[in-house]
PDB file of N, CA and C in Angstrom:
ATOM      1  N   MET A   1      63.261  45.827 -31.840  1.00  0.00           N
ATOM      2  CA  MET A   1      64.049  46.019 -30.647  1.00  0.00           C
ATOM      3  C   MET A   1      63.381  47.048 -29.717  1.00  0.00           C
ATOM      4  N   TRP A   2      62.916  48.142 -30.332  1.00  0.00           N
ATOM      5  CA  TRP A   2      62.240  49.200 -29.568  1.00  0.00           C
ATOM      6  C   TRP A   2      61.018  48.643 -28.842  1.00  0.00           C
ATOM      7  N   GLU A   3      60.272  47.792 -29.505  1.00  0.00           N
ATOM      8  CA  GLU A   3      59.078  47.208 -28.913  1.00  0.00           C
ATOM      9  C   GLU A   3      59.429  46.317 -27.716  1.00  0.00           C
ATOM     10  N   LEU A   4      60.510  45.573 -27.783  1.00  0.00           N
ATOM     11  CA  LEU A   4      60.951  44.748 -26.661  1.00  0.00           C
ATOM     12  C   LEU A   4      61.319  45.614 -25.464  1.00  0.00           C
ATOM     13  N   LEU A   5      61.993  46.728 -25.724  1.00  0.00           N
ATOM     14  CA  LEU A   5      62.358  47.642 -24.663  1.00  0.00           C
ATOM     15  C   LEU A   5      61.106  48.214 -23.999  1.00  0.00           C
ATOM     16  N   GLN A   6      60.137  48.596 -24.796  1.00  0.00           N
ATOM     17  CA  GLN A   6      58.880  49.119 -24.260  1.00  0.00           C
ATOM     18  C   GLN A   6      58.143  48.059 -23.452  1.00  0.00           C
ATOM     19  N   GLN A   7      58.107  46.836 -23.946  1.00  0.00           N
ATOM     20  CA  GLN A   7      57.438  45.756 -23.228  1.00  0.00           C
ATOM     21  C   GLN A   7      58.124  45.508 -21.878  1.00  0.00           C
ATOM     22  N   GLN A   8      59.454  45.561 -21.854  1.00  0.00           N
ATOM     23  CA  GLN A   8      60.198  45.383 -20.606  1.00  0.00           C
ATOM     24  C   GLN A   8      59.870  46.516 -19.633  1.00  0.00           C
ATOM     25  N   GLN A   9      59.812  47.738 -20.114  1.00  0.00           N
ATOM     26  CA  GLN A   9      59.489  48.881 -19.271  1.00  0.00           C
ATOM     27  C   GLN A   9      58.064  48.783 -18.722  1.00  0.00           C
ATOM     28  N   ILE A  10      57.138  48.324 -19.557  1.00  0.00           N
ATOM     29  CA  ILE A  10      55.760  48.137 -19.116  1.00  0.00           C
ATOM     30  C   ILE A  10      55.702  47.053 -18.037  1.00  0.00           C
ATOM     31  N   TYR A  11      56.415  45.955 -18.250  1.00  0.00           N
ATOM     32  CA  TYR A  11      56.449  44.867 -17.281  1.00  0.00           C
ATOM     33  C   TYR A  11      57.005  45.367 -15.941  1.00  0.00           C
ATOM     34  N   GLU A  12      58.090  46.138 -15.986  1.00  0.00           N
ATOM     35  CA  GLU A  12      58.694  46.679 -14.770  1.00  0.00           C
ATOM     36  C   GLU A  12      57.745  47.661 -14.081  1.00  0.00           C
ATOM     37  N   ALA A  13      57.048  48.483 -14.865  1.00  0.00           N
ATOM     38  CA  ALA A  13      56.110  49.446 -14.291  1.00  0.00           C
ATOM     39  C   ALA A  13      54.960  48.719 -13.602  1.00  0.00           C
ATOM     40  N   LYS A  14      54.471  47.644 -14.200  1.00  0.00           N
ATOM     41  CA  LYS A  14      53.404  46.865 -13.571  1.00  0.00           C
ATOM     42  C   LYS A  14      53.889  46.249 -12.262  1.00  0.00           C
ATOM     43  N   GLY A  15      55.120  45.763 -12.240  1.00  0.00           N
ATOM     44  CA  GLY A  15      55.686  45.207 -11.009  1.00  0.00           C
ATOM     45  C   GLY A  15      55.810  46.274  -9.926  1.00  0.00           C
ATOM     46  N   ASP A  16      56.270  47.451 -10.329  1.00  0.00           N
ATOM     47  CA  ASP A  16      56.367  48.560  -9.378  1.00  0.00           C
ATOM     48  C   ASP A  16      54.986  48.945  -8.844  1.00  0.00           C
ATOM     49  N   ALA A  17      53.989  48.938  -9.703  1.00  0.00           N
ATOM     50  CA  ALA A  17      52.626  49.271  -9.284  1.00  0.00           C
ATOM     51  C   ALA A  17      52.098  48.244  -8.289  1.00  0.00           C
ATOM     52  N   ARG A  18      52.376  46.958  -8.540  1.00  0.00           N
ATOM     53  CA  ARG A  18      51.942  45.904  -7.605  1.00  0.00           C
ATOM     54  C   ARG A  18      52.613  46.088  -6.245  1.00  0.00           C
ATOM     55  N   LYS A  19      53.905  46.423  -6.252  1.00  0.00           N
ATOM     56  CA  LYS A  19      54.620  46.660  -4.992  1.00  0.00           C
ATOM     57  C   LYS A  19      54.013  47.858  -4.255  1.00  0.00           C
ATOM     58  N   ALA A  20      53.676  48.903  -5.008  1.00  0.00           N
ATOM     59  CA  ALA A  20      53.095  50.096  -4.384  1.00  0.00           C
ATOM     60  C   ALA A  20      51.747  49.771  -3.753  1.00  0.00           C
ATOM     61  N   VAL A  21      50.928  49.005  -4.444  1.00  0.00           N
ATOM     62  CA  VAL A  21      49.630  48.615  -3.898  1.00  0.00           C
ATOM     63  C   VAL A  21      49.809  47.788  -2.632  1.00  0.00           C
ATOM     64  N   SER A  22      50.770  46.883  -2.656  1.00  0.00           N
ATOM     65  CA  SER A  22      51.044  46.056  -1.486  1.00  0.00           C
ATOM     66  C   SER A  22      51.509  46.920  -0.307  1.00  0.00           C
ATOM     67  N   THR A  23      52.364  47.885  -0.591  1.00  0.00           N
ATOM     68  CA  THR A  23      52.850  48.787   0.456  1.00  0.00           C
ATOM     69  C   THR A  23      51.701  49.598   1.035  1.00  0.00           C
ATOM     70  N   ILE A  24      50.833  50.090   0.185  1.00  0.00           N
ATOM     71  CA  ILE A  24      49.675  50.872   0.644  1.00  0.00           C
ATOM     72  C   ILE A  24      48.765  50.012   1.510  1.00  0.00           C
ATOM     73  N   ASP A  25      48.507  48.790   1.079  1.00  0.00           N
ATOM     74  CA  ASP A  25      47.669  47.883   1.875  1.00  0.00           C
ATOM     75  C   ASP A  25      48.283  47.648   3.260  1.00  0.00           C
ATOM     76  N   ASN A  26      49.592  47.443   3.288  1.00  0.00           N
ATOM     77  CA  ASN A  26      50.295  47.224   4.549  1.00  0.00           C
ATOM     78  C   ASN A  26      50.190  48.453   5.445  1.00  0.00           C
ATOM     79  N   LEU A  27      50.393  49.627   4.880  1.00  0.00           N
ATOM     80  CA  LEU A  27      50.308  50.855   5.664  1.00  0.00           C
ATOM     81  C   LEU A  27      48.881  51.115   6.156  1.00  0.00           C
ATOM     82  N   GLU A  28      47.894  50.821   5.328  1.00  0.00           N
ATOM     83  CA  GLU A  28      46.506  50.986   5.763  1.00  0.00           C
ATOM     84  C   GLU A  28      46.195  50.077   6.946  1.00  0.00           C
ATOM     85  N   THR A  29      46.717  48.873   6.918  1.00  0.00           N
ATOM     86  CA  THR A  29      46.526  47.949   8.035  1.00  0.00           C
ATOM     87  C   THR A  29      47.169  48.501   9.301  1.00  0.00           C
ATOM     88  N   LYS A  30      48.395  49.001   9.174  1.00  0.00           N
ATOM     89  CA  LYS A  30      49.095  49.561  10.332  1.00  0.00           C
ATOM     90  C   LYS A  30      48.371  50.785  10.883  1.00  0.00           C
ATOM     91  N   VAL A  31      47.857  51.633  10.014  1.00  0.00           N
ATOM     92  CA  VAL A  31      47.109  52.812  10.467  1.00  0.00           C
ATOM     93  C   VAL A  31      45.851  52.370  11.211  1.00  0.00           C
ATOM     94  N   GLY A  32      45.164  51.370  10.701  1.00  0.00           N
ATOM     95  CA  GLY A  32      43.966  50.851  11.371  1.00  0.00           C
ATOM     96  C   GLY A  32      44.287  50.321  12.757  1.00  0.00           C
ATOM     97  N   ILE A  33      45.381  49.601  12.871  1.00  0.00           N
ATOM     98  CA  ILE A  33      45.802  49.073  14.174  1.00  0.00           C
ATOM     99  C   ILE A  33      46.123  50.222  15.123  1.00  0.00           C
ATOM    100  N   ALA A  34      46.834  51.233  14.620  1.00  0.00           N
ATOM    101  CA  ALA A  34      47.184  52.391  15.454  1.00  0.00           C
ATOM    102  C   ALA A  34      45.929  53.142  15.898  1.00  0.00           C
ATOM    103  N   GLU A  35      44.971  53.309  15.001  1.00  0.00           N
ATOM    104  CA  GLU A  35      43.720  53.986  15.372  1.00  0.00           C
ATOM    105  C   GLU A  35      42.971  53.209  16.445  1.00  0.00           C
ATOM    106  N   ASP A  36      42.921  51.894  16.325  1.00  0.00           N
ATOM    107  CA  ASP A  36      42.267  51.066  17.350  1.00  0.00           C
ATOM    108  C   ASP A  36      42.969  51.218  18.695  1.00  0.00           C
ATOM    109  N   ARG A  37      44.292  51.232  18.656  1.00  0.00           N
ATOM    110  CA  ARG A  37      45.061  51.372  19.907  1.00  0.00           C
ATOM    111  C   ARG A  37      44.803  52.740  20.540  1.00  0.00           C
ATOM    112  N   ILE A  38      44.768  53.768  19.737  1.00  0.00           N
ATOM    113  CA  ILE A  38      44.495  55.113  20.256  1.00  0.00           C
ATOM    114  C   ILE A  38      43.119  55.165  20.900  1.00  0.00           C
ATOM    115  N   GLU A  39      42.139  54.554  20.274  1.00  0.00           N
ATOM    116  CA  GLU A  39      40.785  54.542  20.846  1.00  0.00           C
ATOM    117  C   GLU A  39      40.757  53.816  22.187  1.00  0.00           C
ATOM    118  N   ARG A  40      41.454  52.662  22.277  1.00  0.00           N
ATOM    119  CA  ARG A  40      41.503  51.928  23.540  1.00  0.00           C
ATOM    120  C   ARG A  40      42.227  52.734  24.617  1.00  0.00           C
ATOM    121  N   LEU A  41      43.322  53.388  24.242  1.00  0.00           N
ATOM    122  CA  LEU A  41      44.057  54.205  25.201  1.00  0.00           C
ATOM    123  C   LEU A  41      43.226  55.405  25.658  1.00  0.00           C
ATOM    124  N   SER A  42      42.487  56.013  24.746  1.00  0.00           N
ATOM    125  CA  SER A  42      41.614  57.129  25.113  1.00  0.00           C
ATOM    126  C   SER A  42      40.545  56.676  26.094  1.00  0.00           C
ATOM    127  N   LEU A  43      39.976  55.522  25.846  1.00  0.00           N
ATOM    128  CA  LEU A  43      38.969  54.970  26.746  1.00  0.00           C
ATOM    129  C   LEU A  43      39.566  54.694  28.124  1.00  0.00           C
ATOM    130  N   ALA A  44      40.747  54.105  28.157  1.00  0.00           N
ATOM    131  CA  ALA A  44      41.408  53.814  29.438  1.00  0.00           C
ATOM    132  C   ALA A  44      41.750  55.104  30.177  1.00  0.00           C
ATOM    133  N   CYS A  45      42.234  56.111  29.457  1.00  0.00           N
ATOM    134  CA  CYS A  45      42.554  57.400  30.101  1.00  0.00           C
ATOM    135  C   CYS A  45      41.305  58.041  30.676  1.00  0.00           C
ATOM    136  N   GLN A  46      40.208  57.991  29.926  1.00  0.00           N
ATOM    137  CA  GLN A  46      38.956  58.574  30.420  1.00  0.00           C
ATOM    138  C   GLN A  46      38.493  57.841  31.680  1.00  0.00           C
ATOM    139  N   ALA A  47      38.595  56.522  31.669  1.00  0.00           N
ATOM    140  CA  ALA A  47      38.188  55.747  32.844  1.00  0.00           C
ATOM    141  C   ALA A  47      39.082  56.082  34.049  1.00  0.00           C
ATOM    142  N   MET A  48      40.385  56.176  33.830  1.00  0.00           N
ATOM    143  CA  MET A  48      41.288  56.514  34.936  1.00  0.00           C
ATOM    144  C   MET A  48      41.000  57.911  35.457  1.00  0.00           C
ATOM    145  N   TRP A  49      40.745  58.858  34.554  1.00  0.00           N
ATOM    146  CA  TRP A  49      40.430  60.219  34.991  1.00  0.00           C
ATOM    147  C   TRP A  49      39.166  60.241  35.836  1.00  0.00           C
ATOM    148  N   GLU A  50      38.127  59.551  35.394  1.00  0.00           N
ATOM    149  CA  GLU A  50      36.876  59.560  36.144  1.00  0.00           C
ATOM    150  C   GLU A  50      37.033  58.903  37.510  1.00  0.00           C
ATOM    151  N   LEU A  51      37.806  57.822  37.578  1.00  0.00           N
ATOM    152  CA  LEU A  51      38.073  57.201  38.881  1.00  0.00           C
ATOM    153  C   LEU A  51      38.840  58.157  39.794  1.00  0.00           C
ATOM    154  N   LEU A  52      39.856  58.794  39.252  1.00  0.00           N
ATOM    155  CA  LEU A  52      40.638  59.742  40.035  1.00  0.00           C
ATOM    156  C   LEU A  52      39.767  60.898  40.515  1.00  0.00           C
ATOM    157  N   ARG A  53      38.990  61.460  39.627  1.00  0.00           N
ATOM    158  CA  ARG A  53      38.104  62.577  39.975  1.00  0.00           C
ATOM    159  C   ARG A  53      37.086  62.168  41.037  1.00  0.00           C
ATOM    160  N   ASP A  54      36.454  61.028  40.825  1.00  0.00           N
ATOM    161  CA  ASP A  54      35.383  60.599  41.722  1.00  0.00           C
ATOM    162  C   ASP A  54      35.885  60.170  43.098  1.00  0.00           C
ATOM    163  N   HIS A  55      37.093  59.653  43.176  1.00  0.00           N
ATOM    164  CA  HIS A  55      37.585  59.124  44.447  1.00  0.00           C
ATOM    165  C   HIS A  55      38.558  60.040  45.183  1.00  0.00           C
ATOM    166  N   THR A  56      39.022  61.104  44.532  1.00  0.00           N
ATOM    167  CA  THR A  56      39.982  61.981  45.199  1.00  0.00           C
ATOM    168  C   THR A  56      39.554  63.440  45.224  1.00  0.00           C
ATOM    169  N   GLY A  57      38.625  63.802  44.373  1.00  0.00           N
ATOM    170  CA  GLY A  57      38.201  65.198  44.321  1.00  0.00           C
ATOM    171  C   GLY A  57      39.091  66.084  43.477  1.00  0.00           C
ATOM    172  N   VAL A  58      40.022  65.506  42.730  1.00  0.00           N
ATOM    173  CA  VAL A  58      40.848  66.302  41.829  1.00  0.00           C
ATOM    174  C   VAL A  58      39.922  66.933  40.791  1.00  0.00           C
ATOM    175  N   THR A  59      40.164  68.210  40.492  1.00  0.00           N
ATOM    176  CA  THR A  59      39.287  68.915  39.556  1.00  0.00           C
ATOM    177  C   THR A  59      39.828  68.840  38.130  1.00  0.00           C
ATOM    178  N   GLU A  60      38.946  69.130  37.191  1.00  0.00           N
ATOM    179  CA  GLU A  60      39.347  69.163  35.791  1.00  0.00           C
ATOM    180  C   GLU A  60      40.389  70.257  35.563  1.00  0.00           C
ATOM    181  N   GLU A  61      40.254  71.362  36.244  1.00  0.00           N
ATOM    182  CA  GLU A  61      41.226  72.448  36.114  1.00  0.00           C
ATOM    183  C   GLU A  61      42.613  71.976  36.563  1.00  0.00           C
ATOM    184  N   GLN A  62      42.669  71.207  37.648  1.00  0.00           N
ATOM    185  CA  GLN A  62      43.948  70.670  38.105  1.00  0.00           C
ATOM    186  C   GLN A  62      44.546  69.709  37.070  1.00  0.00           C
ATOM    187  N   LEU A  63      43.683  68.924  36.457  1.00  0.00           N
ATOM    188  CA  LEU A  63      44.143  68.014  35.406  1.00  0.00           C
ATOM    189  C   LEU A  63      44.736  68.800  34.246  1.00  0.00           C
ATOM    190  N   TYR A  64      44.008  69.809  33.758  1.00  0.00           N
ATOM    191  CA  TYR A  64      44.502  70.618  32.645  1.00  0.00           C
ATOM    192  C   TYR A  64      45.805  71.320  33.003  1.00  0.00           C
ATOM    193  N   ASP A  65      45.895  71.841  34.235  1.00  0.00           N
ATOM    194  CA  ASP A  65      47.123  72.501  34.671  1.00  0.00           C
ATOM    195  C   ASP A  65      48.303  71.528  34.655  1.00  0.00           C
ATOM    196  N   LYS A  66      48.080  70.295  35.099  1.00  0.00           N
ATOM    197  CA  LYS A  66      49.143  69.289  35.119  1.00  0.00           C
ATOM    198  C   LYS A  66      49.555  68.910  33.695  1.00  0.00           C
ATOM    199  N   VAL A  67      48.582  68.767  32.801  1.00  0.00           N
ATOM    200  CA  VAL A  67      48.894  68.459  31.403  1.00  0.00           C
ATOM    201  C   VAL A  67      49.775  69.565  30.825  1.00  0.00           C
ATOM    202  N   LEU A  68      49.412  70.823  31.072  1.00  0.00           N
ATOM    203  CA  LEU A  68      50.190  71.958  30.584  1.00  0.00           C
ATOM    204  C   LEU A  68      51.601  71.938  31.172  1.00  0.00           C
ATOM    205  N   GLU A  69      51.699  71.690  32.477  1.00  0.00           N
ATOM    206  CA  GLU A  69      53.008  71.638  33.138  1.00  0.00           C
ATOM    207  C   GLU A  69      53.910  70.579  32.500  1.00  0.00           C
ATOM    208  N   ILE A  70      53.363  69.409  32.263  1.00  0.00           N
ATOM    209  CA  ILE A  70      54.147  68.320  31.671  1.00  0.00           C
ATOM    210  C   ILE A  70      54.523  68.653  30.235  1.00  0.00           C
ATOM    211  N   ASP A  71      53.595  69.251  29.503  1.00  0.00           N
ATOM    212  CA  ASP A  71      53.846  69.585  28.103  1.00  0.00           C
ATOM    213  C   ASP A  71      55.014  70.552  27.953  1.00  0.00           C
ATOM    214  N   VAL A  72      55.106  71.561  28.796  1.00  0.00           N
ATOM    215  CA  VAL A  72      56.140  72.589  28.621  1.00  0.00           C
ATOM    216  C   VAL A  72      57.478  72.220  29.264  1.00  0.00           C
ATOM    217  N   ARG A  73      57.590  71.071  29.876  1.00  0.00           N
ATOM    218  CA  ARG A  73      58.866  70.670  30.497  1.00  0.00           C
ATOM    219  C   ARG A  73      60.017  70.627  29.491  1.00  0.00           C
ATOM    220  N   ASP A  74      59.698  70.304  28.250  1.00  0.00           N
ATOM    221  CA  ASP A  74      60.749  70.236  27.228  1.00  0.00           C
ATOM    222  C   ASP A  74      60.966  71.581  26.533  1.00  0.00           C
ATOM    223  N   GLY A  75      60.283  72.619  27.024  1.00  0.00           N
ATOM    224  CA  GLY A  75      60.470  73.957  26.462  1.00  0.00           C
ATOM    225  C   GLY A  75      59.542  74.301  25.318  1.00  0.00           C
ATOM    226  N   ALA A  76      58.626  73.418  24.972  1.00  0.00           N
ATOM    227  CA  ALA A  76      57.714  73.685  23.858  1.00  0.00           C
ATOM    228  C   ALA A  76      56.290  73.300  24.245  1.00  0.00           C
ATOM    229  N   LEU A  77      55.371  74.221  24.005  1.00  0.00           N
ATOM    230  CA  LEU A  77      53.950  73.954  24.225  1.00  0.00           C
ATOM    231  C   LEU A  77      53.410  73.368  22.922  1.00  0.00           C
ATOM    232  N   ASP A  78      53.509  72.030  22.800  1.00  0.00           N
ATOM    233  CA  ASP A  78      53.175  71.387  21.532  1.00  0.00           C
ATOM    234  C   ASP A  78      52.351  70.114  21.669  1.00  0.00           C
ATOM    235  N   GLY A  79      51.908  69.805  22.888  1.00  0.00           N
ATOM    236  CA  GLY A  79      51.095  68.611  23.082  1.00  0.00           C
ATOM    237  C   GLY A  79      51.878  67.316  23.020  1.00  0.00           C
ATOM    238  N   LYS A  80      53.195  67.390  23.211  1.00  0.00           N
ATOM    239  CA  LYS A  80      54.027  66.194  23.109  1.00  0.00           C
ATOM    240  C   LYS A  80      55.007  66.117  24.276  1.00  0.00           C
ATOM    241  N   ILE A  81      55.384  64.895  24.611  1.00  0.00           N
ATOM    242  CA  ILE A  81      56.494  64.657  25.523  1.00  0.00           C
ATOM    243  C   ILE A  81      57.662  64.275  24.626  1.00  0.00           C
ATOM    244  N   GLU A  82      58.645  65.144  24.565  1.00  0.00           N
ATOM    245  CA  GLU A  82      59.759  64.912  23.654  1.00  0.00           C
ATOM    246  C   GLU A  82      60.759  63.913  24.227  1.00  0.00           C
ATOM    247  N   THR A  83      61.518  63.332  23.339  1.00  0.00           N
ATOM    248  CA  THR A  83      62.590  62.428  23.703  1.00  0.00           C
ATOM    249  C   THR A  83      63.666  63.215  24.444  1.00  0.00           C
ATOM    250  N   GLU A  84      64.270  62.586  25.408  1.00  0.00           N
ATOM    251  CA  GLU A  84      65.333  63.225  26.171  1.00  0.00           C
ATOM    252  C   GLU A  84      66.685  62.619  25.811  1.00  0.00           C
ATOM    253  N   VAL A  85      67.725  63.450  25.856  1.00  0.00           N
ATOM    254  CA  VAL A  85      69.084  62.952  25.762  1.00  0.00           C
ATOM    255  C   VAL A  85      69.573  62.852  27.200  1.00  0.00           C
ATOM    256  N   ILE A  86      69.980  61.641  27.571  1.00  0.00           N
ATOM    257  CA  ILE A  86      70.424  61.400  28.952  1.00  0.00           C
ATOM    258  C   ILE A  86      71.783  60.706  28.936  1.00  0.00           C
ATOM    259  N   ASN A  87      72.403  60.657  30.091  1.00  0.00           N
ATOM    260  CA  ASN A  87      73.598  59.839  30.250  1.00  0.00           C
ATOM    261  C   ASN A  87      73.144  58.441  30.624  1.00  0.00           C
ATOM    262  N   CYS A  88      73.637  57.456  29.916  1.00  0.00           N
ATOM    263  CA  CYS A  88      73.292  56.069  30.211  1.00  0.00           C
ATOM    264  C   CYS A  88      73.703  55.757  31.651  1.00  0.00           C
ATOM    265  N   PRO A  89      72.798  55.169  32.437  1.00  0.00           N
ATOM    266  CA  PRO A  89      73.140  54.851  33.820  1.00  0.00           C
ATOM    267  C   PRO A  89      74.208  53.752  33.938  1.00  0.00           C
ATOM    268  N   HIS A  90      74.503  53.081  32.841  1.00  0.00           N
ATOM    269  CA  HIS A  90      75.463  51.976  32.879  1.00  0.00           C
ATOM    270  C   HIS A  90      76.849  52.379  32.370  1.00  0.00           C
ATOM    271  N   CYS A  91      76.893  53.117  31.248  1.00  0.00           N
ATOM    272  CA  CYS A  91      78.199  53.463  30.663  1.00  0.00           C
ATOM    273  C   CYS A  91      78.458  54.969  30.668  1.00  0.00           C
ATOM    274  N   ALA A  92      77.458  55.758  31.083  1.00  0.00           N
ATOM    275  CA  ALA A  92      77.561  57.217  31.218  1.00  0.00           C
ATOM    276  C   ALA A  92      77.710  57.969  29.896  1.00  0.00           C
ATOM    277  N   ARG A  93      77.520  57.290  28.772  1.00  0.00           N
ATOM    278  CA  ARG A  93      77.584  57.983  27.486  1.00  0.00           C
ATOM    279  C   ARG A  93      76.215  58.559  27.152  1.00  0.00           C
ATOM    280  N   LYS A  94      76.206  59.605  26.331  1.00  0.00           N
ATOM    281  CA  LYS A  94      74.952  60.239  25.935  1.00  0.00           C
ATOM    282  C   LYS A  94      74.143  59.274  25.072  1.00  0.00           C
ATOM    283  N   THR A  95      72.864  59.144  25.399  1.00  0.00           N
ATOM    284  CA  THR A  95      71.962  58.300  24.634  1.00  0.00           C
ATOM    285  C   THR A  95      70.568  58.904  24.690  1.00  0.00           C
ATOM    286  N   SER A  96      69.675  58.378  23.922  1.00  0.00           N
ATOM    287  CA  SER A  96      68.330  58.934  23.804  1.00  0.00           C
ATOM    288  C   SER A  96      67.299  58.028  24.461  1.00  0.00           C
ATOM    289  N   THR A  97      66.324  58.638  25.109  1.00  0.00           N
ATOM    290  CA  THR A  97      65.239  57.856  25.700  1.00  0.00           C
ATOM    291  C   THR A  97      64.281  57.340  24.626  1.00  0.00           C
ATOM    292  N   HIS A  98      64.518  57.729  23.380  1.00  0.00           N
ATOM    293  CA  HIS A  98      63.719  57.203  22.267  1.00  0.00           C
ATOM    294  C   HIS A  98      63.947  55.702  22.112  1.00  0.00           C
ATOM    295  N   ARG A  99      65.119  55.257  22.497  1.00  0.00           N
ATOM    296  CA  ARG A  99      65.461  53.839  22.402  1.00  0.00           C
ATOM    297  C   ARG A  99      65.291  53.173  23.755  1.00  0.00           C
ATOM    298  N   MET A 100      65.037  51.877  23.740  1.00  0.00           N
ATOM    299  CA  MET A 100      64.887  51.131  24.988  1.00  0.00           C
ATOM    300  C   MET A 100      66.237  50.648  25.513  1.00  0.00           C
ATOM    301  N   ARG A 101      67.257  50.679  24.645  1.00  0.00           N
ATOM    302  CA  ARG A 101      68.590  50.234  25.028  1.00  0.00           C
ATOM    303  C   ARG A 101      69.616  51.271  24.604  1.00  0.00           C
ATOM    304  N   CYS A 102      70.667  51.402  25.389  1.00  0.00           N
ATOM    305  CA  CYS A 102      71.762  52.310  25.062  1.00  0.00           C
ATOM    306  C   CYS A 102      72.412  51.845  23.757  1.00  0.00           C
ATOM    307  N   ILE A 103      72.694  52.792  22.864  1.00  0.00           N
ATOM    308  CA  ILE A 103      73.303  52.413  21.585  1.00  0.00           C
ATOM    309  C   ILE A 103      74.779  52.039  21.739  1.00  0.00           C
ATOM    310  N   TYR A 104      75.367  52.366  22.877  1.00  0.00           N
ATOM    311  CA  TYR A 104      76.782  52.066  23.095  1.00  0.00           C
ATOM    312  C   TYR A 104      76.995  50.755  23.833  1.00  0.00           C
ATOM    313  N   CYS A 105      76.336  50.596  24.982  1.00  0.00           N
ATOM    314  CA  CYS A 105      76.588  49.397  25.792  1.00  0.00           C
ATOM    315  C   CYS A 105      75.488  48.343  25.657  1.00  0.00           C
ATOM    316  N   GLY A 106      74.343  48.725  25.083  1.00  0.00           N
ATOM    317  CA  GLY A 106      73.266  47.765  24.859  1.00  0.00           C
ATOM    318  C   GLY A 106      72.391  47.478  26.061  1.00  0.00           C
ATOM    319  N   LYS A 107      72.681  48.110  27.185  1.00  0.00           N
ATOM    320  CA  LYS A 107      71.877  47.872  28.385  1.00  0.00           C
ATOM    321  C   LYS A 107      70.608  48.714  28.340  1.00  0.00           C
ATOM    322  N   GLY A 108      69.586  48.234  29.044  1.00  0.00           N
ATOM    323  CA  GLY A 108      68.293  48.903  29.051  1.00  0.00           C
ATOM    324  C   GLY A 108      68.337  50.267  29.716  1.00  0.00           C
ATOM    325  N   ILE A 109      67.595  51.205  29.136  1.00  0.00           N
ATOM    326  CA  ILE A 109      67.451  52.530  29.739  1.00  0.00           C
ATOM    327  C   ILE A 109      65.968  52.821  29.874  1.00  0.00           C
ATOM    328  N   ARG A 110      65.653  53.654  30.839  1.00  0.00           N
ATOM    329  CA  ARG A 110      64.245  53.996  31.051  1.00  0.00           C
ATOM    330  C   ARG A 110      64.062  55.488  30.931  1.00  0.00           C
ATOM    331  N   SER A 111      62.965  55.859  30.323  1.00  0.00           N
ATOM    332  CA  SER A 111      62.590  57.259  30.222  1.00  0.00           C
ATOM    333  C   SER A 111      62.017  57.711  31.557  1.00  0.00           C
ATOM    334  N   ASN A 112      62.016  58.998  31.777  1.00  0.00           N
ATOM    335  CA  ASN A 112      61.339  59.559  32.945  1.00  0.00           C
ATOM    336  C   ASN A 112      59.834  59.588  32.730  1.00  0.00           C
ATOM    337  N   HIS A 113      59.393  59.145  31.570  1.00  0.00           N
ATOM    338  CA  HIS A 113      57.987  59.153  31.213  1.00  0.00           C
ATOM    339  C   HIS A 113      57.492  57.717  31.054  1.00  0.00           C
ATOM    340  N   PRO A 114      56.861  57.144  32.067  1.00  0.00           N
ATOM    341  CA  PRO A 114      56.481  55.734  31.988  1.00  0.00           C
ATOM    342  C   PRO A 114      55.444  55.430  30.910  1.00  0.00           C
ATOM    343  N   PHE A 115      54.745  56.445  30.401  1.00  0.00           N
ATOM    344  CA  PHE A 115      53.732  56.185  29.385  1.00  0.00           C
ATOM    345  C   PHE A 115      54.214  56.514  27.997  1.00  0.00           C
ATOM    346  N   LYS A 116      55.436  56.916  27.856  1.00  0.00           N
ATOM    347  CA  LYS A 116      56.007  57.228  26.545  1.00  0.00           C
ATOM    348  C   LYS A 116      56.800  56.027  26.088  1.00  0.00           C
ATOM    349  N   ALA A 117      56.359  55.451  24.971  1.00  0.00           N
ATOM    350  CA  ALA A 117      57.046  54.276  24.448  1.00  0.00           C
ATOM    351  C   ALA A 117      58.173  54.672  23.537  1.00  0.00           C
TER     352      ALA A 117
END
């Protein structure tokens, strides 16, 4: 009887291990996709910056100052644009810009940050 119990536990452990490997593979794929997206976005940002600099005369110092200004708008110098709690423009209830739709009325909401998904 003891041996059957051990065999069942071993079988379950092997199944759990297979699930863990599958989860890791899935997460590695997602990380790879995210890294590729970040690289493409970095390239696009660099291209936009160079076009802006070359065609308008905006300086790198002005760019850095603007980045700093935007960063501290939420009260923290942390390199992030934080989610905002706003009143839904449709139902006036408090909702988060983290979501694309109000959790109460289901209508679309927009962040004040067009590049923050």
